[in-house]
Structure formats: structure tokens, C-alpha cells
Amino acid sequence: MSDMDVNQVLAHLPQRYPMIMVDRVKECEPGKRIVAVKNVSANEPYFPGHFPHRPIMPGVLILEAMAQAAGVLSFRSRGIMPDDKSVYYYVGIDNARFKRPVIPGDVLEIEVHFERQLRGISKFNCVARVAGEVAAEATILCAMQSTGAK
């Protein structure tokens, strides 16, 4: 299955509103790559404060969208679903660059490539685009850790 609607995305992520940053998955090749979409709406809760005179999606939330897409890819690649016994954490962000603002009405397309896993830490190369133009890029490191819940 490559295309995933919002309900399938929610089944693969522990985040919920207002922190869900992936609306749909266009392509998913488990163990390799994912292309996900975030429809940026004027109704997002951060726009009134960032910035009232010129709303811009915060860069940290673009990075969060990358991590969530990487999370879906990881769960799909492992054939597991998130539960209350584990959490998928950032452990590093390298070479983050922001090339253009992301504003209400934009469709943010996030492409994530799995690079490697070492000692439980996965490395991903990520690019976020709007209408084919690079908005941001970063290398992210994520790890799944137990919450200690039984």
C-alpha cells in the first residue's frame, strides 16, 4: 500500500491535533522512502502569533512534519503500530536549512529517505517542498524508546 489517507496516517502516529503534521501519504516504500503531505491551512493554531501581519509556518514545525513522516516510514518498515509502550523521539537534527517561507494555502510535500540505522538510531535525509520548490531540508536522527508502560 503506498497511498494513505489521514485515518491511516493517524493509525501510524501517536501525535494528535494540534501536533499532527501529516495529512496524507502519497508514496511509501518501506525501508526506503516516503512522500507525505501537509496541507497548510490559515486555521492552524500557530498562525495568529507567528506572525499576525504575515503568517509563516514555524521552521520547527516543518522539521516536526519531517520527523512524523519519518515515523510513519519507520512504523511501516517495521510492520508495527505505535502504542503507549514506546515513543519515537528526535535525537538529532543536522544541516537544517530553510529556503522559503511556508504560508497558509501552501501544500507542503515532505520527502524522507531512510539512510541507515545504527544502535537503534535511524538517520533520514529530508526535503520539504512547496510546488516543487525546496522550502526546507535537514538530516534527522530518530530513535524508538520504551516508555516503561506495561
C-alpha atoms as a PDB file:
ATOM      1  CA  MET A   1       0.000   0.000   0.000  1.00  0.00           C
ATOM      2  CA  SER A   2       1.533   3.329  -0.940  1.00  0.00           C
ATOM      3  CA  ASP A   3      -1.202   5.965  -0.623  1.00  0.00           C
ATOM      4  CA  MET A   4      -2.506   6.542   2.928  1.00  0.00           C
ATOM      5  CA  ASP A   5      -5.392   8.816   3.938  1.00  0.00           C
ATOM      6  CA  VAL A   6      -5.487  10.777   7.191  1.00  0.00           C
ATOM      7  CA  ASN A   7      -7.074   7.910   9.139  1.00  0.00           C
ATOM      8  CA  GLN A   8      -4.306   5.526   8.095  1.00  0.00           C
ATOM      9  CA  VAL A   9      -1.702   8.182   8.928  1.00  0.00           C
ATOM     10  CA  LEU A  10      -3.214   8.648  12.406  1.00  0.00           C
ATOM     11  CA  ALA A  11      -3.010   4.882  12.944  1.00  0.00           C
ATOM     12  CA  HIS A  12       0.755   5.109  12.325  1.00  0.00           C
ATOM     13  CA  LEU A  13       1.470   8.163  14.508  1.00  0.00           C
ATOM     14  CA  PRO A  14       0.938   8.828  18.220  1.00  0.00           C
ATOM     15  CA  GLN A  15       0.535  12.611  17.665  1.00  0.00           C
ATOM     16  CA  ARG A  16      -2.889  14.208  17.572  1.00  0.00           C
ATOM     17  CA  TYR A  17      -4.309  17.695  16.989  1.00  0.00           C
ATOM     18  CA  PRO A  18      -2.806  20.261  17.198  1.00  0.00           C
ATOM     19  CA  MET A  19       0.519  18.459  16.668  1.00  0.00           C
ATOM     20  CA  ILE A  20      -0.331  16.213  13.723  1.00  0.00           C
ATOM     21  CA  MET A  21       1.739  17.497  10.774  1.00  0.00           C
ATOM     22  CA  VAL A  22       0.980  14.833   8.139  1.00  0.00           C
ATOM     23  CA  ASP A  23      -2.382  14.804   6.362  1.00  0.00           C
ATOM     24  CA  ARG A  24      -1.703  12.167   3.733  1.00  0.00           C
ATOM     25  CA  VAL A  25       0.962   9.851   2.370  1.00  0.00           C
ATOM     26  CA  LYS A  26       1.345   9.841  -1.418  1.00  0.00           C
ATOM     27  CA  GLU A  27       4.061   7.196  -1.636  1.00  0.00           C
ATOM     28  CA  CYS A  28       5.701   4.809   0.798  1.00  0.00           C
ATOM     29  CA  GLU A  29       8.444   2.316   0.053  1.00  0.00           C
ATOM     30  CA  PRO A  30       9.075   0.606   3.412  1.00  0.00           C
ATOM     31  CA  GLY A  31      12.744   0.660   4.330  1.00  0.00           C
ATOM     32  CA  LYS A  32      13.485   3.281   1.668  1.00  0.00           C
ATOM     33  CA  ARG A  33      11.417   6.442   1.357  1.00  0.00           C
ATOM     34  CA  ILE A  34       8.122   8.199   1.936  1.00  0.00           C
ATOM     35  CA  VAL A  35       6.395  11.210   0.382  1.00  0.00           C
ATOM     36  CA  ALA A  36       3.875  12.839   2.709  1.00  0.00           C
ATOM     37  CA  VAL A  37       1.681  15.935   2.502  1.00  0.00           C
ATOM     38  CA  LYS A  38       0.752  18.643   4.999  1.00  0.00           C
ATOM     39  CA  ASN A  39      -1.996  20.993   3.815  1.00  0.00           C
ATOM     40  CA  VAL A  40      -1.140  24.297   5.445  1.00  0.00           C
ATOM     41  CA  SER A  41      -4.378  25.995   6.473  1.00  0.00           C
ATOM     42  CA  ALA A  42      -4.996  29.549   7.679  1.00  0.00           C
ATOM     43  CA  ASN A  43      -6.756  27.886  10.645  1.00  0.00           C
ATOM     44  CA  GLU A  44      -3.517  26.415  12.077  1.00  0.00           C
ATOM     45  CA  PRO A  45      -3.275  27.357  15.774  1.00  0.00           C
ATOM     46  CA  TYR A  46       0.203  28.925  15.469  1.00  0.00           C
ATOM     47  CA  PHE A  47      -0.582  31.484  12.750  1.00  0.00           C
ATOM     48  CA  PRO A  48      -2.174  34.171  14.969  1.00  0.00           C
ATOM     49  CA  GLY A  49       1.139  34.505  16.808  1.00  0.00           C
ATOM     50  CA  HIS A  50       3.635  33.664  14.024  1.00  0.00           C
ATOM     51  CA  PHE A  51       3.274  36.361  12.656  1.00  0.00           C
ATOM     52  CA  PRO A  52      -0.024  38.278  12.814  1.00  0.00           C
ATOM     53  CA  HIS A  53       0.939  40.632   9.945  1.00  0.00           C
ATOM     54  CA  ARG A  54       2.478  37.848   7.769  1.00  0.00           C
ATOM     55  CA  PRO A  55       1.618  34.283   8.815  1.00  0.00           C
ATOM     56  CA  ILE A  56       4.554  31.880   8.364  1.00  0.00           C
ATOM     57  CA  MET A  57       4.715  28.207   9.368  1.00  0.00           C
ATOM     58  CA  PRO A  58       7.426  27.925  12.053  1.00  0.00           C
ATOM     59  CA  GLY A  59      10.544  26.122  10.882  1.00  0.00           C
ATOM     60  CA  VAL A  60      10.430  23.819  13.897  1.00  0.00           C
ATOM     61  CA  LEU A  61       7.015  22.595  12.737  1.00  0.00           C
ATOM     62  CA  ILE A  62       8.375  21.892   9.259  1.00  0.00           C
ATOM     63  CA  LEU A  63      11.059  19.802  10.988  1.00  0.00           C
ATOM     64  CA  GLU A  64       8.306  18.132  13.032  1.00  0.00           C
ATOM     65  CA  ALA A  65       6.468  17.264   9.793  1.00  0.00           C
ATOM     66  CA  MET A  66       9.697  15.649   8.562  1.00  0.00           C
ATOM     67  CA  ALA A  67      10.027  13.634  11.778  1.00  0.00           C
ATOM     68  CA  GLN A  68       6.404  12.498  11.629  1.00  0.00           C
ATOM     69  CA  ALA A  69       6.822  11.377   8.013  1.00  0.00           C
ATOM     70  CA  ALA A  70       9.974   9.522   9.095  1.00  0.00           C
ATOM     71  CA  GLY A  71       7.945   7.977  11.931  1.00  0.00           C
ATOM     72  CA  VAL A  72       5.305   6.665   9.535  1.00  0.00           C
ATOM     73  CA  LEU A  73       8.089   5.255   7.351  1.00  0.00           C
ATOM     74  CA  SER A  74       9.709   3.596  10.373  1.00  0.00           C
ATOM     75  CA  PHE A  75       6.491   2.033  11.656  1.00  0.00           C
ATOM     76  CA  ARG A  76       5.570   0.836   8.134  1.00  0.00           C
ATOM     77  CA  SER A  77       9.086  -0.537   7.604  1.00  0.00           C
ATOM     78  CA  ARG A  78       8.980  -2.486  10.879  1.00  0.00           C
ATOM     79  CA  GLY A  79       5.410  -3.656  10.343  1.00  0.00           C
ATOM     80  CA  ILE A  80       4.327  -2.327  13.751  1.00  0.00           C
ATOM     81  CA  MET A  81       1.944   0.332  15.030  1.00  0.00           C
ATOM     82  CA  PRO A  82       2.614   2.932  17.731  1.00  0.00           C
ATOM     83  CA  ASP A  83       1.350   2.144  21.228  1.00  0.00           C
ATOM     84  CA  ASP A  84       1.683   3.504  24.751  1.00  0.00           C
ATOM     85  CA  LYS A  85       4.760   1.341  25.408  1.00  0.00           C
ATOM     86  CA  SER A  86       7.118   3.273  23.133  1.00  0.00           C
ATOM     87  CA  VAL A  87       7.766   6.762  21.828  1.00  0.00           C
ATOM     88  CA  TYR A  88       9.570   7.819  18.668  1.00  0.00           C
ATOM     89  CA  TYR A  89      11.969  10.650  19.615  1.00  0.00           C
ATOM     90  CA  TYR A  90      14.229  13.107  17.837  1.00  0.00           C
ATOM     91  CA  VAL A  91      17.840  12.523  18.835  1.00  0.00           C
ATOM     92  CA  GLY A  92      19.401  14.935  16.383  1.00  0.00           C
ATOM     93  CA  ILE A  93      18.858  17.460  13.607  1.00  0.00           C
ATOM     94  CA  ASP A  94      21.757  18.241  11.295  1.00  0.00           C
ATOM     95  CA  ASN A  95      22.187  20.640   8.393  1.00  0.00           C
ATOM     96  CA  ALA A  96      18.721  22.190   8.723  1.00  0.00           C
ATOM     97  CA  ARG A  97      18.228  24.862   6.086  1.00  0.00           C
ATOM     98  CA  PHE A  98      15.158  26.958   5.337  1.00  0.00           C
ATOM     99  CA  LYS A  99      14.910  28.231   1.775  1.00  0.00           C
ATOM    100  CA  ARG A 100      11.458  29.825   1.531  1.00  0.00           C
ATOM    101  CA  PRO A 101       8.582  30.648   3.881  1.00  0.00           C
ATOM    102  CA  VAL A 102       5.627  28.284   4.082  1.00  0.00           C
ATOM    103  CA  ILE A 103       2.355  30.206   4.298  1.00  0.00           C
ATOM    104  CA  PRO A 104      -1.377  29.468   4.582  1.00  0.00           C
ATOM    105  CA  GLY A 105      -2.685  27.808   1.429  1.00  0.00           C
ATOM    106  CA  ASP A 106       0.596  26.032   0.671  1.00  0.00           C
ATOM    107  CA  VAL A 107       0.752  22.281   0.233  1.00  0.00           C
ATOM    108  CA  LEU A 108       3.917  21.103   1.932  1.00  0.00           C
ATOM    109  CA  GLU A 109       5.278  17.917   0.362  1.00  0.00           C
ATOM    110  CA  ILE A 110       7.755  16.105   2.593  1.00  0.00           C
ATOM    111  CA  GLU A 111      10.117  13.549   1.098  1.00  0.00           C
ATOM    112  CA  VAL A 112      12.101  11.414   3.521  1.00  0.00           C
ATOM    113  CA  HIS A 113      14.801   8.909   2.589  1.00  0.00           C
ATOM    114  CA  PHE A 114      15.955   6.310   5.110  1.00  0.00           C
ATOM    115  CA  GLU A 115      19.759   6.313   5.167  1.00  0.00           C
ATOM    116  CA  ARG A 116      20.763   3.848   7.875  1.00  0.00           C
ATOM    117  CA  GLN A 117      20.200   2.558  11.382  1.00  0.00           C
ATOM    118  CA  LEU A 118      22.937   2.151  13.967  1.00  0.00           C
ATOM    119  CA  ARG A 119      22.456   1.194  17.632  1.00  0.00           C
ATOM    120  CA  GLY A 120      18.719   1.878  17.445  1.00  0.00           C
ATOM    121  CA  ILE A 121      19.126   5.339  15.909  1.00  0.00           C
ATOM    122  CA  SER A 122      17.754   5.878  12.411  1.00  0.00           C
ATOM    123  CA  LYS A 123      19.110   8.538  10.058  1.00  0.00           C
ATOM    124  CA  PHE A 124      16.903  10.202   7.446  1.00  0.00           C
ATOM    125  CA  ASN A 125      17.530  12.772   4.715  1.00  0.00           C
ATOM    126  CA  CYS A 126      14.512  15.054   4.398  1.00  0.00           C
ATOM    127  CA  VAL A 127      13.328  17.709   1.964  1.00  0.00           C
ATOM    128  CA  ALA A 128      10.113  19.749   2.233  1.00  0.00           C
ATOM    129  CA  ARG A 129       8.836  21.382  -0.942  1.00  0.00           C
ATOM    130  CA  VAL A 130       6.027  23.726  -1.966  1.00  0.00           C
ATOM    131  CA  ALA A 131       5.016  23.487  -5.631  1.00  0.00           C
ATOM    132  CA  GLY A 132       8.309  21.732  -6.380  1.00  0.00           C
ATOM    133  CA  GLU A 133      10.413  24.471  -4.762  1.00  0.00           C
ATOM    134  CA  VAL A 134      12.554  23.479  -1.764  1.00  0.00           C
ATOM    135  CA  ALA A 135      11.230  25.099   1.413  1.00  0.00           C
ATOM    136  CA  ALA A 136      13.468  23.265   3.893  1.00  0.00           C
ATOM    137  CA  GLU A 137      15.885  20.390   4.164  1.00  0.00           C
ATOM    138  CA  ALA A 138      17.548  18.559   7.036  1.00  0.00           C
ATOM    139  CA  THR A 139      19.136  15.335   8.145  1.00  0.00           C
ATOM    140  CA  ILE A 140      17.298  13.985  11.167  1.00  0.00           C
ATOM    141  CA  LEU A 141      18.107  11.257  13.649  1.00  0.00           C
ATOM    142  CA  CYS A 142      15.306   9.468  15.498  1.00  0.00           C
ATOM    143  CA  ALA A 143      15.074   6.582  17.955  1.00  0.00           C
ATOM    144  CA  MET A 144      12.275   4.492  19.400  1.00  0.00           C
ATOM    145  CA  GLN A 145      12.419   4.226  23.177  1.00  0.00           C
ATOM    146  CA  SER A 146      10.334   2.384  25.721  1.00  0.00           C
ATOM    147  CA  THR A 147       8.086   4.484  27.946  1.00  0.00           C
ATOM    148  CA  GLY A 148       8.207   1.866  30.693  1.00  0.00           C
ATOM    149  CA  ALA A 149       4.422   1.403  30.451  1.00  0.00           C
ATOM    150  CA  LYS A 150       3.105  -2.107  30.968  1.00  0.00           C
END
